[in-house]
Protein backbone atom coordinates (compact mmCIF):
# COMPACT_ATOMS: atom_id res chain seq x y z
CA MET A 1 133.46 50.01 132.25
CA VAL A 2 136.08 48.94 134.82
CA LYS A 3 137.71 51.42 137.18
CA LEU A 4 141.36 50.56 137.82
CA PRO A 5 143.33 51.10 141.05
CA ASP A 6 145.01 54.23 139.63
CA GLY A 7 141.64 55.82 138.84
CA ARG A 8 141.65 55.21 135.09
CA VAL A 9 138.64 53.58 133.45
CA MET A 10 138.85 50.88 130.78
CA GLU A 11 136.03 49.58 128.63
CA VAL A 12 135.75 45.80 128.53
CA LEU A 13 133.87 43.54 126.12
CA LEU A 14 132.42 40.36 127.60
CA GLY A 15 131.21 37.53 125.39
CA GLY A 16 131.27 33.80 124.86
CA ASP A 17 130.17 31.49 127.70
CA ALA A 18 129.62 33.56 130.86
CA ALA A 19 130.50 30.50 132.96
CA GLY A 20 133.42 29.46 130.75
CA TYR A 21 137.19 29.57 131.13
CA PRO A 22 138.55 33.14 130.74
CA LEU A 23 140.14 34.00 127.40
CA VAL A 24 141.71 37.48 127.32
CA ALA A 25 141.93 38.76 123.74
CA ASN A 26 144.27 41.68 122.97
CA HIS A 27 143.34 43.74 119.90
CA GLY A 28 145.58 45.11 117.17
CA THR A 29 146.69 48.62 116.19
CA PRO A 30 144.56 50.65 115.63
CA CYS A 31 141.55 48.73 116.96
CA ASP A 32 139.55 48.34 120.15
CA MET A 33 137.71 45.66 122.10
CA THR A 34 134.98 45.36 119.45
CA LEU A 35 137.45 43.63 117.13
CA TYR A 36 136.45 40.42 118.91
CA GLU A 37 132.66 40.85 118.82
CA ASP A 38 132.45 38.25 116.06
CA TRP A 39 134.36 35.73 118.22
CA HIS A 40 131.37 35.47 120.56
CA SER A 41 129.80 32.32 119.08
CA ILE A 42 133.17 30.59 118.66
CA CYS A 43 133.93 31.10 122.36
CA GLN A 44 130.39 30.28 123.46
CA GLU A 45 130.43 26.94 121.63
CA ARG A 46 133.76 26.03 123.21
CA GLY A 47 133.09 27.09 126.78
CA ALA A 48 135.37 30.13 126.83
CA ARG A 49 134.49 33.45 128.45
CA LEU A 50 135.65 36.10 126.02
CA ILE A 51 137.23 39.15 127.69
CA SER A 52 138.70 41.99 125.66
CA ALA A 53 139.63 45.49 126.85
CA SER A 54 140.31 48.55 124.72
CA ARG A 55 143.86 49.59 125.54
CA PRO A 56 144.35 53.05 127.07
CA GLY A 57 143.55 55.81 124.59
CA TYR A 58 141.30 53.69 122.37
CA GLY A 59 137.52 53.93 122.35
CA GLU A 60 136.35 55.07 125.78
CA SER A 61 139.35 53.76 127.72
CA HIS A 62 141.23 56.54 129.49
CA ARG A 63 144.66 57.33 128.10
CA LYS A 64 147.83 56.39 129.95
CA PRO A 65 150.63 58.50 128.43
CA HIS A 66 154.10 56.92 128.19
CA ARG A 67 152.70 53.43 128.81
CA SER A 68 154.87 50.43 128.07
CA ILE A 69 153.70 47.09 126.74
CA ALA A 70 154.42 45.62 130.18
CA ASP A 71 151.72 47.86 131.69
CA VAL A 72 149.02 45.65 130.18
CA ALA A 73 149.75 42.97 132.80
CA ALA A 74 148.60 45.10 135.74
CA ASP A 75 145.53 46.30 133.82
CA THR A 76 144.62 42.72 132.89
CA ALA A 77 145.07 41.51 136.46
CA ALA A 78 142.81 44.30 137.75
CA ILE A 79 140.09 43.45 135.22
CA LEU A 80 140.26 39.75 136.08
CA ASP A 81 140.06 40.57 139.77
CA ARG A 82 136.95 42.64 139.13
CA LEU A 83 135.39 39.73 137.22
CA GLY A 84 136.41 37.16 139.84
CA HIS A 85 138.84 35.12 137.73
CA LYS A 86 142.11 33.73 139.05
CA SER A 87 143.60 32.09 135.96
CA PHE A 88 143.23 32.69 132.22
CA VAL A 89 144.60 32.10 128.75
CA THR A 90 145.39 34.93 126.37
CA LEU A 91 145.95 35.75 122.73
CA GLY A 92 146.95 38.89 120.87
CA TRP A 93 146.48 39.72 117.21
CA SER A 94 149.04 41.95 115.46
CA GLY A 95 149.82 44.82 117.87
CA GLY A 96 148.07 42.79 120.54
CA GLY A 97 150.70 40.04 120.26
CA PRO A 98 153.33 41.72 122.48
CA HIS A 99 150.62 42.48 125.04
CA ALA A 100 149.64 38.81 125.25
CA LEU A 101 153.33 37.95 125.70
CA ALA A 102 153.60 40.54 128.49
CA CYS A 103 150.87 38.68 130.37
CA ALA A 104 152.66 35.39 129.75
CA SER A 105 155.90 36.78 131.16
CA LEU A 106 154.64 38.94 134.03
CA LEU A 107 151.61 36.97 135.27
CA PRO A 108 153.02 33.42 135.34
CA GLN A 109 150.90 32.37 138.34
CA ARG A 110 147.69 33.30 136.52
CA CYS A 111 148.34 33.07 132.78
CA VAL A 112 148.20 29.40 131.76
CA ALA A 113 148.92 29.69 128.01
CA ALA A 114 149.32 32.36 125.36
CA ALA A 115 149.24 32.82 121.61
CA THR A 116 150.51 35.57 119.37
CA LEU A 117 148.62 35.89 116.07
CA ALA A 118 150.75 37.66 113.47
CA GLY A 119 152.28 39.54 116.38
CA VAL A 120 155.02 42.10 115.99
CA GLY A 121 158.52 41.58 117.40
CA PRO A 122 160.69 44.12 119.29
CA TYR A 123 161.87 47.09 117.24
CA ASP A 124 165.56 47.00 118.16
CA ALA A 125 165.97 43.27 118.67
CA GLU A 126 169.25 41.66 117.66
CA GLY A 127 168.73 39.42 114.66
CA LEU A 128 165.43 40.99 113.58
CA ASP A 129 165.20 43.66 110.88
CA PHE A 130 161.93 45.16 112.09
CA LEU A 131 160.99 47.00 108.88
CA ALA A 132 162.18 44.44 106.32
CA GLY A 133 159.27 43.07 104.30
CA MET A 134 156.69 45.52 105.69
CA GLY A 135 154.41 47.45 103.38
CA PRO A 136 155.52 51.04 102.69
CA GLU A 137 152.78 52.48 104.91
CA ASN A 138 154.15 50.71 107.98
CA VAL A 139 157.72 51.65 107.13
CA ALA A 140 156.73 55.32 107.03
CA GLU A 141 154.66 55.04 110.22
CA PHE A 142 157.36 53.42 112.33
CA SER A 143 160.01 55.71 110.90
CA ALA A 144 157.93 58.55 112.32
CA ALA A 145 157.39 56.75 115.62
CA VAL A 146 161.09 56.42 116.38
CA LYS A 147 161.36 60.21 116.11
CA GLY A 148 158.92 60.67 118.98
CA GLU A 149 155.31 61.54 119.73
CA GLN A 150 155.24 64.93 118.01
CA GLU A 151 156.49 63.57 114.69
CA LEU A 152 154.20 60.53 114.86
CA ARG A 153 151.17 62.68 115.68
CA ARG A 154 151.97 64.90 112.68
CA TRP A 155 152.34 61.86 110.41
CA LEU A 156 149.03 60.38 111.51
CA ALA A 157 147.24 63.69 111.07
CA GLU A 158 148.54 63.87 107.49
CA ASN A 159 148.13 60.23 106.53
CA ALA A 160 145.54 58.53 108.74
CA THR A 161 142.71 61.01 109.29
CA GLY A 162 140.59 59.08 106.79
CA TYR A 163 140.56 56.05 109.06
CA ARG A 164 138.29 57.93 111.49
CA SER A 165 135.46 57.78 108.93
CA ILE A 166 136.47 54.74 106.88
CA THR A 167 133.83 52.42 105.41
CA GLY A 168 133.93 48.74 104.64
CA LYS A 169 134.17 49.41 100.92
CA GLU A 170 137.22 51.60 101.48
CA VAL A 171 139.20 49.56 103.98
CA ALA A 172 141.17 47.24 101.65
CA ASP A 173 142.23 50.09 99.37
CA ALA A 174 143.12 52.28 102.37
CA LEU A 175 145.50 49.63 103.67
CA GLY A 176 147.32 49.75 100.33
CA GLY A 177 150.60 47.86 100.31
CA LEU A 178 149.91 46.35 103.73
CA VAL A 179 147.51 43.75 102.36
CA PRO A 180 148.35 41.05 99.80
CA GLU A 181 145.57 39.68 97.59
CA VAL A 182 144.65 36.97 100.11
CA ASP A 183 143.93 39.64 102.72
CA LYS A 184 142.02 41.80 100.26
CA ARG A 185 139.72 38.83 99.60
CA ALA A 186 139.14 38.50 103.35
CA LEU A 187 138.35 42.21 103.71
CA THR A 188 135.07 42.13 101.82
CA GLY A 189 131.37 42.09 102.65
CA GLU A 190 130.24 41.93 106.26
CA TYR A 191 133.72 41.44 107.64
CA ALA A 192 135.00 44.56 105.88
CA ASP A 193 132.10 46.51 107.38
CA HIS A 194 132.88 45.10 110.82
CA PHE A 195 136.60 45.86 110.56
CA ALA A 196 135.95 49.43 109.40
CA ALA A 197 133.51 50.00 112.28
CA VAL A 198 136.12 48.77 114.76
CA VAL A 199 138.74 51.17 113.42
CA ARG A 200 136.32 54.11 113.43
CA ARG A 201 135.26 53.41 117.00
CA SER A 202 138.82 52.93 118.21
CA LEU A 203 139.71 56.44 116.97
CA MET A 204 136.51 58.14 118.16
CA ASN A 205 138.48 60.31 120.59
CA GLY A 206 141.58 60.80 118.45
CA PHE A 207 144.91 59.12 117.79
CA ASP A 208 146.19 58.76 121.38
CA GLY A 209 145.82 54.98 121.57
CA TRP A 210 147.49 54.44 118.20
CA ILE A 211 150.31 56.81 119.12
CA ASP A 212 150.97 55.20 122.48
CA ASP A 213 150.95 51.72 120.90
CA ASP A 214 153.53 52.68 118.27
CA LEU A 215 155.76 54.41 120.80
CA ALA A 216 155.60 51.35 123.07
CA PHE A 217 156.52 49.02 120.20
CA THR A 218 159.65 51.04 119.40
CA ARG A 219 160.87 51.22 123.01
CA SER A 220 161.80 48.59 125.59
CA TRP A 221 158.85 46.27 126.09
CA GLY A 222 159.52 46.10 129.84
CA PHE A 223 159.80 42.32 130.14
CA ALA A 224 162.00 39.49 128.89
CA LEU A 225 160.77 36.92 126.38
CA GLY A 226 163.37 34.48 127.71
CA GLN A 227 161.64 34.43 131.10
CA ILE A 228 158.38 33.03 129.72
CA ARG A 229 157.73 29.59 131.16
CA ILE A 230 154.19 28.85 130.01
CA PRO A 231 153.17 27.34 126.64
CA VAL A 232 153.13 29.90 123.80
CA THR A 233 152.07 29.39 120.20
CA VAL A 234 153.27 31.72 117.45
CA TRP A 235 150.80 31.89 114.54
CA GLN A 236 152.02 33.59 111.36
CA GLY A 237 151.21 33.85 107.66
CA GLU A 238 154.07 33.81 105.17
CA LEU A 239 152.49 36.50 102.95
CA ASP A 240 151.90 39.01 105.76
CA LYS A 241 152.90 42.58 104.84
CA MET A 242 151.80 44.25 108.09
CA VAL A 243 153.92 41.98 110.28
CA PRO A 244 156.32 40.00 108.07
CA VAL A 245 156.91 36.31 108.69
CA THR A 246 160.41 37.08 109.95
CA HIS A 247 158.81 38.49 113.11
CA GLY A 248 157.00 35.23 113.79
CA ARG A 249 160.08 33.14 113.19
CA TRP A 250 162.17 35.39 115.44
CA LEU A 251 159.62 35.21 118.27
CA ALA A 252 159.35 31.44 117.98
CA ASP A 253 163.14 31.17 118.28
CA LYS A 254 163.34 33.46 121.32
CA ILE A 255 160.40 32.25 123.42
CA PRO A 256 161.39 29.11 125.34
CA GLY A 257 159.50 26.05 124.10
CA ALA A 258 157.30 28.04 121.72
CA THR A 259 155.17 26.16 119.19
CA ARG A 260 155.36 27.69 115.71
CA ARG A 261 152.47 27.53 113.28
CA ILE A 262 153.52 29.26 110.07
CA PHE A 263 151.18 29.05 107.10
CA PRO A 264 152.16 29.42 103.43
CA GLY A 265 149.66 31.40 101.38
CA GLN A 266 148.21 33.29 104.36
CA GLY A 267 148.41 36.98 105.21
CA HIS A 268 147.64 39.11 108.24
CA ILE A 269 143.84 38.98 108.09
CA SER A 270 143.27 35.66 106.31
CA LEU A 271 145.43 33.77 108.83
CA VAL A 272 143.20 34.65 111.77
CA MET A 273 139.89 34.48 109.89
CA GLY A 274 140.75 30.99 108.70
CA HIS A 275 142.14 29.56 111.94
CA ARG A 276 140.57 31.35 114.90
CA SER A 277 138.56 28.29 116.00
CA GLU A 278 141.80 26.29 116.15
CA MET A 279 143.46 29.09 118.09
CA VAL A 280 140.77 29.05 120.77
CA ASP A 281 140.71 25.24 120.86
CA GLU A 282 144.45 25.03 121.44
CA LEU A 283 144.42 27.54 124.30
CA LEU A 284 141.53 25.78 126.04
CA PHE A 285 143.26 22.41 125.57
CA ARG A 286 146.35 23.79 127.27
CA ALA A 287 144.23 25.11 130.14
CA ALA A 288 142.50 21.74 130.56
CA PHE A 289 145.85 19.92 130.46
CA ARG A 290 147.25 22.26 133.12
CA LYS A 291 144.23 21.61 135.36
CA ALA A 292 144.44 17.85 134.89
CA LYS A 293 148.15 17.89 135.66
CA ARG A 294 147.58 19.83 138.88
CA ASN A 295 144.76 17.50 139.94
CA CYS A 296 146.99 14.50 139.31
CA SER A 297 149.80 16.09 141.31
CA ASN A 298 147.47 16.86 144.23
CA THR A 299 146.13 13.30 144.23
CA THR A 300 149.64 11.84 144.20
CA SER A 301 150.79 14.07 147.06
CA LYS A 302 147.88 12.91 149.21
């Protein structure tokens, strides 16, 4: 539990190699820090210190009403300060994607590289039809979100209460049109149980985190993608129904120098389950390259 300068408290998951390079992992919507519990061994083997915080309103993290996506940068900096880390790499899955990009844009002296994994794009962006290609559940959810908190809270109460007690056996069916067959195959067995437990825990105190995420997605993000100057990789599956591939392509076009990794035959869940080791490897490679470049520059200047 980390107390922030404004008095709020955020819960933080620590895993991987305790002496490793910091990797800040931003969870999706609705989820919490425990989404990344099963990344522990991957990070430990690669020398990464896994750091993931439940965003305000999820799990035991205190709510911050009216938060913007940009607000994650100050929270992340405060957590890193508490842990004694100066620099870091970051990734964000799904609803966590914009939050990873906020760190890339607003913490350029500390954030060395970033990745968005099936991350959503801005709601009102020119050239991006936000809802096109999404499953009907997401279309209804975001249609409620643009009408404001009261309407979104009503919609969630009517349509998402079951998520607060969902089981692994129920999760694929509950997601309905949001998951193609490739994702349904990934949401089985132990992973389905894990995913369901994450969702249940994230909503243990209600829908506030989910509501504040959705409202933030449909408003100004509070930072400019065009100002990002660090390496960013956009990972996306072509069959994704939660965040359609058009979002990934749009982000890759708008982020200066972005590397695009778009995979045919992959969805929202299968993409990350099948490539998460590569995702961590790439971020750590970029961090090592940055360090080597700085060392070379320092040696030359002497």
